[in-house]
Amino acid sequence: MFNRSFVFITYSLVIAFVCFYLVHSLFLGISDDEAYYWILAQKPSLGFAFHPPLVTWMIALSQKIFSFILPINSVFILRFFSVFCSTFIFALALYWMKIAGVEVRNLWKGALVFLSFAGWSSLCWLMVPDSGLFLGWMLLFVSTWMLCFNTPSTICFVMLVFGSCISLLSKYSGVLSIFSAGFCMFFWCSKENKKKAFLWLGIGTAVAMIPIWIWNHNNNWVSVLYQIQGRHSGTKADFIRYLRFWLVEIFCAGPVLIYYFLVCSHELKITHRSQDIFQFGFFQSRWCFVFSPCGLILKFIGHL
């Protein structure tokens, strides 16, 4: 059970977060990507050529909810669910800090550290597929942590289902977060919980695959093929592009990851349990911070 101090601080931080980002989002113009997804949302479908459909479903649902008081092209309607997703991510981060052992008096410090990730906190108001992707990843991270290092409850398995489903329906790269969750459960989840955890993770993944499979089956697999072919040039399977991607990742992110792992292992003088916890975080988080810079570098290389 959480004490009153934790509940008060959590609610205060979450309310402040909602107010700031909701107001912030209302005074910023719509980006090209948001306009593109808004247009697609006018005719919701089970899929689209470049991404799974969740972002358009959220925009369409927001229009259904608020269109009786606001025009359907209002910024509030467009970005309502992006702020909702970001708020839920922030609340989950605070919850994880608590179950990970952060003292209540230090909770606000943890919140500041979380918000200091400028790439996320400065863009979390945008209504793009990444909104759902990050929410799904956070659900998977927290639920997997609880399964591996805390006493799990029914909510853990519900979060596994929603996390895997939301991730995969947001972007195809959501499969990486599902892989990370499965990897960690395989190594650190107790035997009595492992089978049940994999079952629920599989259910969420299967549910997400249904609309993706139906739409691609009816449209010559164009969306899936787009992901495995040269996305920016050509129509052939471009394995050189993938090799180049991983070489850049190893060159740029590899030394940082290795240094981070070795220094923390040495400095913390970790016990067997805390070592498991550290390695869990290492494998869960690595997918989040290596792909963005590598993608930018690859785009630059593509113009050479």
Protein backbone atom coordinates (compact mmCIF):
# COMPACT_ATOMS: atom_id res chain seq x y z
CA MET A 1 0.00 0.00 0.00
CA PHE A 2 1.18 3.50 -0.77
CA ASN A 3 1.15 6.14 1.95
CA ARG A 4 -0.64 9.45 1.70
CA SER A 5 2.57 11.37 0.99
CA PHE A 6 3.26 9.31 -2.11
CA VAL A 7 -0.32 9.69 -3.35
CA PHE A 8 -0.29 13.46 -2.75
CA ILE A 9 3.07 14.01 -4.46
CA THR A 10 2.13 11.76 -7.39
CA TYR A 11 -1.21 13.48 -7.98
CA SER A 12 0.39 16.92 -7.67
CA LEU A 13 3.13 16.11 -10.18
CA VAL A 14 0.74 14.46 -12.64
CA ILE A 15 -1.77 17.33 -12.49
CA ALA A 16 1.03 19.86 -13.01
CA PHE A 17 2.28 17.81 -15.96
CA VAL A 18 -1.17 17.67 -17.57
CA CYS A 19 -1.83 21.38 -17.14
CA PHE A 20 1.54 22.42 -18.52
CA TYR A 21 1.58 20.16 -21.59
CA LEU A 22 -2.09 20.59 -22.42
CA VAL A 23 -1.76 24.38 -22.44
CA HIS A 24 1.62 24.11 -24.16
CA SER A 25 0.18 21.97 -26.96
CA LEU A 26 -2.70 24.36 -27.62
CA PHE A 27 -0.40 27.23 -28.61
CA LEU A 28 1.80 25.35 -31.06
CA GLY A 29 0.96 24.89 -34.73
CA ILE A 30 0.23 21.50 -36.22
CA SER A 31 3.23 19.71 -37.71
CA ASP A 32 3.28 18.09 -41.15
CA ASP A 33 3.19 14.61 -39.62
CA GLU A 34 0.21 15.47 -37.45
CA ALA A 35 -1.68 16.88 -40.43
CA TYR A 36 -0.96 13.66 -42.34
CA TYR A 37 -2.33 11.46 -39.55
CA TRP A 38 -5.34 13.74 -39.08
CA ILE A 39 -6.24 13.26 -42.76
CA LEU A 40 -5.93 9.48 -42.42
CA ALA A 41 -8.09 9.57 -39.29
CA GLN A 42 -11.04 10.91 -41.30
CA LYS A 43 -11.40 7.41 -42.74
CA PRO A 44 -10.16 5.02 -40.02
CA SER A 45 -8.87 1.71 -41.29
CA LEU A 46 -7.19 -1.45 -40.02
CA GLY A 47 -3.89 -0.26 -41.41
CA PHE A 48 -1.99 2.13 -43.63
CA ALA A 49 0.99 1.98 -45.94
CA PHE A 50 3.64 3.21 -43.53
CA HIS A 51 2.46 2.54 -39.96
CA PRO A 52 -0.03 0.46 -37.98
CA PRO A 53 -3.33 2.27 -37.36
CA LEU A 54 -3.43 3.16 -33.65
CA VAL A 55 -2.51 6.84 -34.00
CA THR A 56 -5.40 7.40 -36.43
CA TRP A 57 -7.79 5.46 -34.20
CA MET A 58 -6.92 7.74 -31.28
CA ILE A 59 -7.50 10.88 -33.35
CA ALA A 60 -10.82 9.52 -34.65
CA LEU A 61 -11.92 8.59 -31.11
CA SER A 62 -11.01 12.04 -29.85
CA GLN A 63 -13.13 13.55 -32.61
CA LYS A 64 -16.08 11.37 -31.60
CA ILE A 65 -15.76 12.44 -27.97
CA PHE A 66 -15.28 16.18 -28.38
CA SER A 67 -16.74 17.07 -31.78
CA PHE A 68 -20.05 18.19 -30.23
CA ILE A 69 -18.27 21.13 -28.55
CA LEU A 70 -15.20 21.69 -30.74
CA PRO A 71 -14.49 21.60 -34.49
CA ILE A 72 -12.90 18.32 -35.57
CA ASN A 73 -9.77 20.11 -36.80
CA SER A 74 -9.06 21.79 -33.45
CA VAL A 75 -5.63 21.36 -31.90
CA PHE A 76 -7.17 20.12 -28.65
CA ILE A 77 -8.95 17.25 -30.38
CA LEU A 78 -5.87 16.36 -32.40
CA ARG A 79 -3.48 16.27 -29.42
CA PHE A 80 -5.75 15.13 -26.61
CA PHE A 81 -4.56 11.53 -26.68
CA SER A 82 -0.91 12.48 -27.12
CA VAL A 83 -1.08 14.41 -23.84
CA PHE A 84 -3.05 11.52 -22.31
CA CYS A 85 -0.38 9.00 -23.36
CA SER A 86 2.44 11.21 -22.10
CA THR A 87 0.68 11.77 -18.78
CA PHE A 88 0.18 8.03 -18.35
CA ILE A 89 3.87 7.47 -19.14
CA PHE A 90 4.84 10.04 -16.50
CA ALA A 91 2.50 8.46 -13.92
CA LEU A 92 3.93 5.01 -14.66
CA ALA A 93 7.44 6.38 -14.21
CA LEU A 94 6.51 7.69 -10.76
CA TYR A 95 4.89 4.37 -9.89
CA TRP A 96 7.98 2.48 -10.98
CA MET A 97 10.22 4.75 -8.87
CA LYS A 98 8.12 3.85 -5.84
CA ILE A 99 8.17 0.08 -6.36
CA ALA A 100 11.88 0.25 -7.20
CA GLY A 101 12.57 1.67 -3.74
CA VAL A 102 12.85 5.43 -4.26
CA GLU A 103 11.96 7.25 -1.05
CA VAL A 104 8.91 9.47 -1.17
CA ARG A 105 10.94 12.57 -0.31
CA ASN A 106 13.11 11.95 -3.39
CA LEU A 107 10.23 11.30 -5.75
CA TRP A 108 10.21 14.83 -7.14
CA LYS A 109 13.93 14.50 -7.91
CA GLY A 110 13.20 11.35 -9.89
CA ALA A 111 10.46 13.21 -11.75
CA LEU A 112 12.92 15.96 -12.69
CA VAL A 113 15.43 13.38 -13.94
CA PHE A 114 12.72 11.73 -16.04
CA LEU A 115 11.62 15.06 -17.52
CA SER A 116 15.24 15.98 -18.26
CA PHE A 117 15.16 13.61 -21.25
CA ALA A 118 14.73 16.53 -23.60
CA GLY A 119 13.90 14.52 -26.71
CA TRP A 120 10.82 13.10 -25.04
CA SER A 121 9.70 15.93 -22.76
CA SER A 122 9.98 18.58 -25.47
CA LEU A 123 7.99 16.59 -28.05
CA CYS A 124 5.57 14.47 -25.99
CA TRP A 125 2.65 16.72 -26.97
CA LEU A 126 2.92 15.72 -30.66
CA MET A 127 0.23 13.36 -31.96
CA VAL A 128 2.44 10.85 -33.75
CA PRO A 129 2.79 7.04 -33.60
CA ASP A 130 5.60 7.40 -31.05
CA SER A 131 3.04 8.54 -28.46
CA GLY A 132 1.50 5.08 -28.33
CA LEU A 133 4.84 3.34 -28.81
CA PHE A 134 6.37 4.92 -25.71
CA LEU A 135 3.25 4.27 -23.66
CA GLY A 136 3.28 0.61 -24.68
CA TRP A 137 6.98 0.33 -23.87
CA MET A 138 6.47 1.89 -20.43
CA LEU A 139 3.61 -0.51 -19.68
CA LEU A 140 5.82 -3.43 -20.66
CA PHE A 141 8.75 -2.11 -18.64
CA VAL A 142 6.79 -1.61 -15.42
CA SER A 143 4.80 -4.84 -15.69
CA THR A 144 7.90 -6.89 -16.47
CA TRP A 145 9.74 -5.30 -13.56
CA MET A 146 6.92 -6.24 -11.20
CA LEU A 147 6.90 -9.80 -12.50
CA CYS A 148 10.65 -10.19 -12.09
CA PHE A 149 11.38 -8.32 -8.85
CA ASN A 150 8.11 -7.72 -6.99
CA THR A 151 5.09 -9.77 -6.01
CA PRO A 152 3.01 -9.78 -9.21
CA SER A 153 -0.72 -9.19 -9.28
CA THR A 154 -3.40 -9.48 -11.94
CA ILE A 155 -2.71 -5.92 -13.04
CA CYS A 156 0.79 -6.99 -14.16
CA PHE A 157 -0.62 -9.38 -16.74
CA VAL A 158 -3.23 -6.86 -17.88
CA MET A 159 -0.42 -4.34 -18.40
CA LEU A 160 1.51 -6.94 -20.42
CA VAL A 161 -1.44 -7.37 -22.76
CA PHE A 162 -2.06 -3.66 -23.22
CA GLY A 163 1.64 -2.84 -23.45
CA SER A 164 2.38 -5.35 -26.21
CA CYS A 165 -0.83 -4.50 -28.05
CA ILE A 166 -0.33 -0.72 -27.93
CA SER A 167 3.35 -0.95 -28.90
CA LEU A 168 2.76 -3.10 -31.95
CA LEU A 169 -0.32 -1.18 -33.11
CA SER A 170 1.64 2.09 -32.87
CA LYS A 171 4.78 1.24 -34.84
CA TYR A 172 6.32 -1.93 -36.20
CA SER A 173 9.42 -1.19 -34.12
CA GLY A 174 7.21 -1.98 -31.12
CA VAL A 175 8.28 -5.58 -31.67
CA LEU A 176 11.62 -4.59 -30.10
CA SER A 177 9.94 -3.66 -26.81
CA ILE A 178 8.09 -6.98 -26.87
CA PHE A 179 11.37 -8.79 -27.50
CA SER A 180 13.00 -6.93 -24.58
CA ALA A 181 10.15 -7.83 -22.23
CA GLY A 182 10.28 -11.49 -23.29
CA PHE A 183 14.06 -11.58 -22.93
CA CYS A 184 13.92 -10.21 -19.38
CA MET A 185 11.07 -12.51 -18.35
CA PHE A 186 12.98 -15.51 -19.67
CA PHE A 187 16.03 -14.78 -17.51
CA TRP A 188 14.60 -13.14 -14.38
CA CYS A 189 10.96 -14.11 -13.98
CA SER A 190 10.25 -16.88 -11.45
CA LYS A 191 9.26 -20.29 -12.77
CA GLU A 192 5.75 -20.08 -11.33
CA ASN A 193 5.07 -16.79 -13.16
CA LYS A 194 7.06 -17.32 -16.36
CA LYS A 195 4.55 -19.42 -18.32
CA LYS A 196 1.63 -17.18 -17.39
CA ALA A 197 3.63 -14.06 -18.26
CA PHE A 198 4.58 -15.37 -21.71
CA LEU A 199 0.97 -16.43 -22.29
CA TRP A 200 -0.37 -12.92 -21.63
CA LEU A 201 2.43 -11.29 -23.60
CA GLY A 202 1.55 -13.59 -26.49
CA ILE A 203 -2.15 -12.73 -26.20
CA GLY A 204 -1.43 -9.01 -26.47
CA THR A 205 0.86 -9.56 -29.44
CA ALA A 206 -1.68 -11.80 -31.19
CA VAL A 207 -4.51 -9.29 -30.68
CA ALA A 208 -2.36 -6.53 -32.19
CA MET A 209 -1.44 -8.74 -35.15
CA ILE A 210 -5.07 -9.34 -36.16
CA PRO A 211 -5.80 -5.93 -37.77
CA ILE A 212 -2.22 -5.71 -39.09
CA TRP A 213 -2.50 -9.11 -40.77
CA ILE A 214 -5.99 -8.47 -42.18
CA TRP A 215 -5.07 -5.11 -43.72
CA ASN A 216 -1.78 -6.33 -45.19
CA HIS A 217 -3.39 -9.51 -46.51
CA ASN A 218 -5.96 -7.40 -48.37
CA ASN A 219 -3.37 -4.90 -49.66
CA ASN A 220 -0.59 -7.11 -51.04
CA TRP A 221 1.45 -6.83 -47.82
CA VAL A 222 2.49 -3.32 -48.82
CA SER A 223 3.00 -2.06 -45.26
CA VAL A 224 5.13 -5.01 -44.15
CA LEU A 225 7.15 -4.96 -47.37
CA TYR A 226 7.79 -1.25 -46.91
CA GLN A 227 9.47 -1.99 -43.58
CA ILE A 228 11.87 -4.60 -44.97
CA GLN A 229 12.69 -2.90 -48.26
CA GLY A 230 14.68 0.27 -48.92
CA ARG A 231 12.35 2.76 -47.23
CA HIS A 232 13.91 5.83 -48.80
CA SER A 233 15.02 4.55 -52.17
CA GLY A 234 14.18 1.57 -54.32
CA THR A 235 11.85 -1.38 -54.01
CA LYS A 236 14.29 -4.22 -53.39
CA ALA A 237 15.10 -5.83 -50.07
CA ASP A 238 18.03 -3.68 -48.96
CA PHE A 239 20.13 -5.84 -46.64
CA ILE A 240 23.09 -3.49 -47.04
CA ARG A 241 21.00 -0.80 -45.39
CA TYR A 242 20.37 -3.03 -42.37
CA LEU A 243 24.05 -3.96 -42.13
CA ARG A 244 24.96 -0.29 -42.29
CA PHE A 245 22.42 0.48 -39.56
CA TRP A 246 23.87 -2.05 -37.13
CA LEU A 247 27.45 -1.04 -37.88
CA VAL A 248 26.59 2.56 -37.07
CA GLU A 249 24.81 1.46 -33.90
CA ILE A 250 27.77 -0.61 -32.74
CA PHE A 251 30.19 2.21 -33.55
CA CYS A 252 28.14 4.98 -31.91
CA ALA A 253 26.20 3.31 -29.13
CA GLY A 254 28.29 0.22 -28.40
CA PRO A 255 31.14 1.93 -26.49
CA VAL A 256 28.64 3.98 -24.48
CA LEU A 257 26.62 0.92 -23.50
CA ILE A 258 29.70 -1.08 -22.53
CA TYR A 259 31.15 1.81 -20.51
CA TYR A 260 27.81 2.38 -18.80
CA PHE A 261 27.54 -1.29 -17.88
CA LEU A 262 31.11 -1.65 -16.57
CA VAL A 263 31.19 1.58 -14.57
CA CYS A 264 27.87 0.92 -12.87
CA SER A 265 28.85 -2.66 -12.10
CA HIS A 266 32.10 -1.50 -10.49
CA GLU A 267 30.85 1.58 -8.67
CA LEU A 268 27.74 0.07 -7.16
CA LYS A 269 29.50 -3.16 -6.08
CA ILE A 270 26.21 -4.81 -6.74
CA THR A 271 24.87 -7.95 -5.13
CA HIS A 272 23.45 -10.84 -7.13
CA ARG A 273 19.88 -9.49 -6.91
CA SER A 274 20.81 -5.89 -7.71
CA GLN A 275 22.97 -7.14 -10.57
CA ASP A 276 19.92 -8.86 -12.01
CA ILE A 277 17.97 -5.62 -11.61
CA PHE A 278 20.69 -3.59 -13.31
CA GLN A 279 20.98 -6.00 -16.24
CA PHE A 280 17.18 -6.01 -16.55
CA GLY A 281 17.17 -2.23 -16.95
CA PHE A 282 20.08 -2.44 -19.36
CA PHE A 283 18.30 -4.80 -21.76
CA GLN A 284 14.92 -3.08 -21.39
CA SER A 285 16.14 0.45 -22.01
CA ARG A 286 18.79 -0.05 -24.69
CA TRP A 287 16.23 -0.10 -27.51
CA CYS A 288 14.95 3.34 -26.51
CA PHE A 289 18.13 5.38 -26.72
CA VAL A 290 20.16 3.87 -29.55
CA PHE A 291 17.74 3.98 -32.46
CA SER A 292 17.05 7.72 -32.67
CA PRO A 293 20.66 8.95 -33.02
CA CYS A 294 21.53 6.07 -35.32
CA GLY A 295 18.55 6.87 -37.52
CA LEU A 296 19.67 10.47 -37.83
CA ILE A 297 23.21 9.41 -38.74
CA LEU A 298 21.94 6.95 -41.34
CA LYS A 299 19.81 9.62 -42.97
CA PHE A 300 22.89 11.80 -43.25
CA ILE A 301 24.93 8.91 -44.69
CA GLY A 302 22.18 8.28 -47.24
CA HIS A 303 22.84 11.69 -48.77
CA LEU A 304 26.58 11.14 -49.18
